[in-house]
Amino acid sequence: MRQLVFVFCVTVWVDEADYLIDVADSLA
């Protein structure tokens, strides 16, 4: 169960990182 929560958190974090990279690219 704990591993599932870890995977979920990592997935959300990666999605956030991709979004921030897209925003940075559009501003650059």
PDB file of N, CA and C in Angstrom:
ATOM      1  N   MET A   1       0.835  -1.199   0.000  1.00  0.00           N
ATOM      2  CA  MET A   1       0.000   0.000   0.000  1.00  0.00           C
ATOM      3  C   MET A   1       0.872   1.252   0.000  1.00  0.00           C
ATOM      4  N   ARG A   2       1.896   1.237   0.819  1.00  0.00           N
ATOM      5  CA  ARG A   2       2.775   2.414   0.885  1.00  0.00           C
ATOM      6  C   ARG A   2       3.455   2.653  -0.457  1.00  0.00           C
ATOM      7  N   GLN A   3       3.801   1.547  -1.148  1.00  0.00           N
ATOM      8  CA  GLN A   3       4.469   1.678  -2.447  1.00  0.00           C
ATOM      9  C   GLN A   3       3.527   2.341  -3.456  1.00  0.00           C
ATOM     10  N   LEU A   4       2.238   2.023  -3.356  1.00  0.00           N
ATOM     11  CA  LEU A   4       1.264   2.612  -4.272  1.00  0.00           C
ATOM     12  C   LEU A   4       1.182   4.118  -4.065  1.00  0.00           C
ATOM     13  N   VAL A   5       1.174   4.548  -2.815  1.00  0.00           N
ATOM     14  CA  VAL A   5       1.138   5.984  -2.507  1.00  0.00           C
ATOM     15  C   VAL A   5       2.394   6.665  -3.046  1.00  0.00           C
ATOM     16  N   PHE A   6       3.542   6.006  -2.917  1.00  0.00           N
ATOM     17  CA  PHE A   6       4.804   6.568  -3.412  1.00  0.00           C
ATOM     18  C   PHE A   6       4.746   6.761  -4.922  1.00  0.00           C
ATOM     19  N   VAL A   7       4.261   5.732  -5.626  1.00  0.00           N
ATOM     20  CA  VAL A   7       4.162   5.814  -7.088  1.00  0.00           C
ATOM     21  C   VAL A   7       3.212   6.946  -7.488  1.00  0.00           C
ATOM     22  N   PHE A   8       2.118   7.085  -6.751  1.00  0.00           N
ATOM     23  CA  PHE A   8       1.152   8.147  -7.049  1.00  0.00           C
ATOM     24  C   PHE A   8       1.796   9.520  -6.885  1.00  0.00           C
ATOM     25  N   CYS A   9       2.526   9.710  -5.797  1.00  0.00           N
ATOM     26  CA  CYS A   9       3.177  11.000  -5.542  1.00  0.00           C
ATOM     27  C   CYS A   9       4.208  11.315  -6.618  1.00  0.00           C
ATOM     28  N   VAL A  10       4.970  10.318  -7.020  1.00  0.00           N
ATOM     29  CA  VAL A  10       5.982  10.536  -8.061  1.00  0.00           C
ATOM     30  C   VAL A  10       5.301  10.901  -9.378  1.00  0.00           C
ATOM     31  N   THR A  11       4.202  10.228  -9.690  1.00  0.00           N
ATOM     32  CA  THR A  11       3.486  10.519 -10.937  1.00  0.00           C
ATOM     33  C   THR A  11       2.983  11.956 -10.945  1.00  0.00           C
ATOM     34  N   VAL A  12       2.398  12.394  -9.842  1.00  0.00           N
ATOM     35  CA  VAL A  12       1.901  13.772  -9.753  1.00  0.00           C
ATOM     36  C   VAL A  12       3.059  14.752  -9.868  1.00  0.00           C
ATOM     37  N   TRP A  13       4.185  14.445  -9.213  1.00  0.00           N
ATOM     38  CA  TRP A  13       5.343  15.340  -9.244  1.00  0.00           C
ATOM     39  C   TRP A  13       5.887  15.472 -10.666  1.00  0.00           C
ATOM     40  N   VAL A  14       5.942  14.353 -11.394  1.00  0.00           N
ATOM     41  CA  VAL A  14       6.442  14.389 -12.771  1.00  0.00           C
ATOM     42  C   VAL A  14       5.492  15.202 -13.650  1.00  0.00           C
ATOM     43  N   ASP A  15       4.186  15.040 -13.434  1.00  0.00           N
ATOM     44  CA  ASP A  15       3.226  15.826 -14.215  1.00  0.00           C
ATOM     45  C   ASP A  15       3.426  17.315 -13.956  1.00  0.00           C
ATOM     46  N   GLU A  16       3.622  17.687 -12.701  1.00  0.00           N
ATOM     47  CA  GLU A  16       3.860  19.088 -12.348  1.00  0.00           C
ATOM     48  C   GLU A  16       5.138  19.594 -13.008  1.00  0.00           C
ATOM     49  N   ALA A  17       6.185  18.771 -13.003  1.00  0.00           N
ATOM     50  CA  ALA A  17       7.462  19.172 -13.589  1.00  0.00           C
ATOM     51  C   ALA A  17       7.293  19.402 -15.091  1.00  0.00           C
ATOM     52  N   ASP A  18       6.562  18.512 -15.767  1.00  0.00           N
ATOM     53  CA  ASP A  18       6.342  18.679 -17.204  1.00  0.00           C
ATOM     54  C   ASP A  18       5.588  19.979 -17.479  1.00  0.00           C
ATOM     55  N   TYR A  19       4.609  20.287 -16.634  1.00  0.00           N
ATOM     56  CA  TYR A  19       3.827  21.510 -16.812  1.00  0.00           C
ATOM     57  C   TYR A  19       4.714  22.737 -16.641  1.00  0.00           C
ATOM     58  N   LEU A  20       5.558  22.722 -15.611  1.00  0.00           N
ATOM     59  CA  LEU A  20       6.434  23.865 -15.362  1.00  0.00           C
ATOM     60  C   LEU A  20       7.434  24.040 -16.495  1.00  0.00           C
ATOM     61  N   ILE A  21       7.922  22.931 -17.042  1.00  0.00           N
ATOM     62  CA  ILE A  21       8.873  23.013 -18.160  1.00  0.00           C
ATOM     63  C   ILE A  21       8.174  23.617 -19.380  1.00  0.00           C
ATOM     64  N   ASP A  22       6.919  23.208 -19.621  1.00  0.00           N
ATOM     65  CA  ASP A  22       6.175  23.764 -20.753  1.00  0.00           C
ATOM     66  C   ASP A  22       5.985  25.270 -20.580  1.00  0.00           C
ATOM     67  N   VAL A  23       5.649  25.707 -19.369  1.00  0.00           N
ATOM     68  CA  VAL A  23       5.455  27.135 -19.104  1.00  0.00           C
ATOM     69  C   VAL A  23       6.766  27.884 -19.306  1.00  0.00           C
ATOM     70  N   ALA A  24       7.861  27.324 -18.813  1.00  0.00           N
ATOM     71  CA  ALA A  24       9.163  27.974 -18.955  1.00  0.00           C
ATOM     72  C   ALA A  24       9.536  28.091 -20.431  1.00  0.00           C
ATOM     73  N   ASP A  25       9.246  27.052 -21.212  1.00  0.00           N
ATOM     74  CA  ASP A  25       9.558  27.093 -22.641  1.00  0.00           C
ATOM     75  C   ASP A  25       8.737  28.177 -23.339  1.00  0.00           C
ATOM     76  N   SER A  26       7.485  28.328 -22.959  1.00  0.00           N
ATOM     77  CA  SER A  26       6.638  29.325 -23.614  1.00  0.00           C
ATOM     78  C   SER A  26       7.074  30.741 -23.234  1.00  0.00           C
ATOM     79  N   LEU A  27       7.622  30.907 -22.030  1.00  0.00           N
ATOM     80  CA  LEU A  27       8.075  32.228 -21.596  1.00  0.00           C
ATOM     81  C   LEU A  27       9.450  32.564 -22.172  1.00  0.00           C
ATOM     82  N   ALA A  28      10.253  31.557 -22.437  1.00  0.00           N
ATOM     83  CA  ALA A  28      11.624  31.787 -22.900  1.00  0.00           C
ATOM     84  C   ALA A  28      11.628  32.344 -24.322  1.00  0.00           C
TER      85      ALA A  28
END
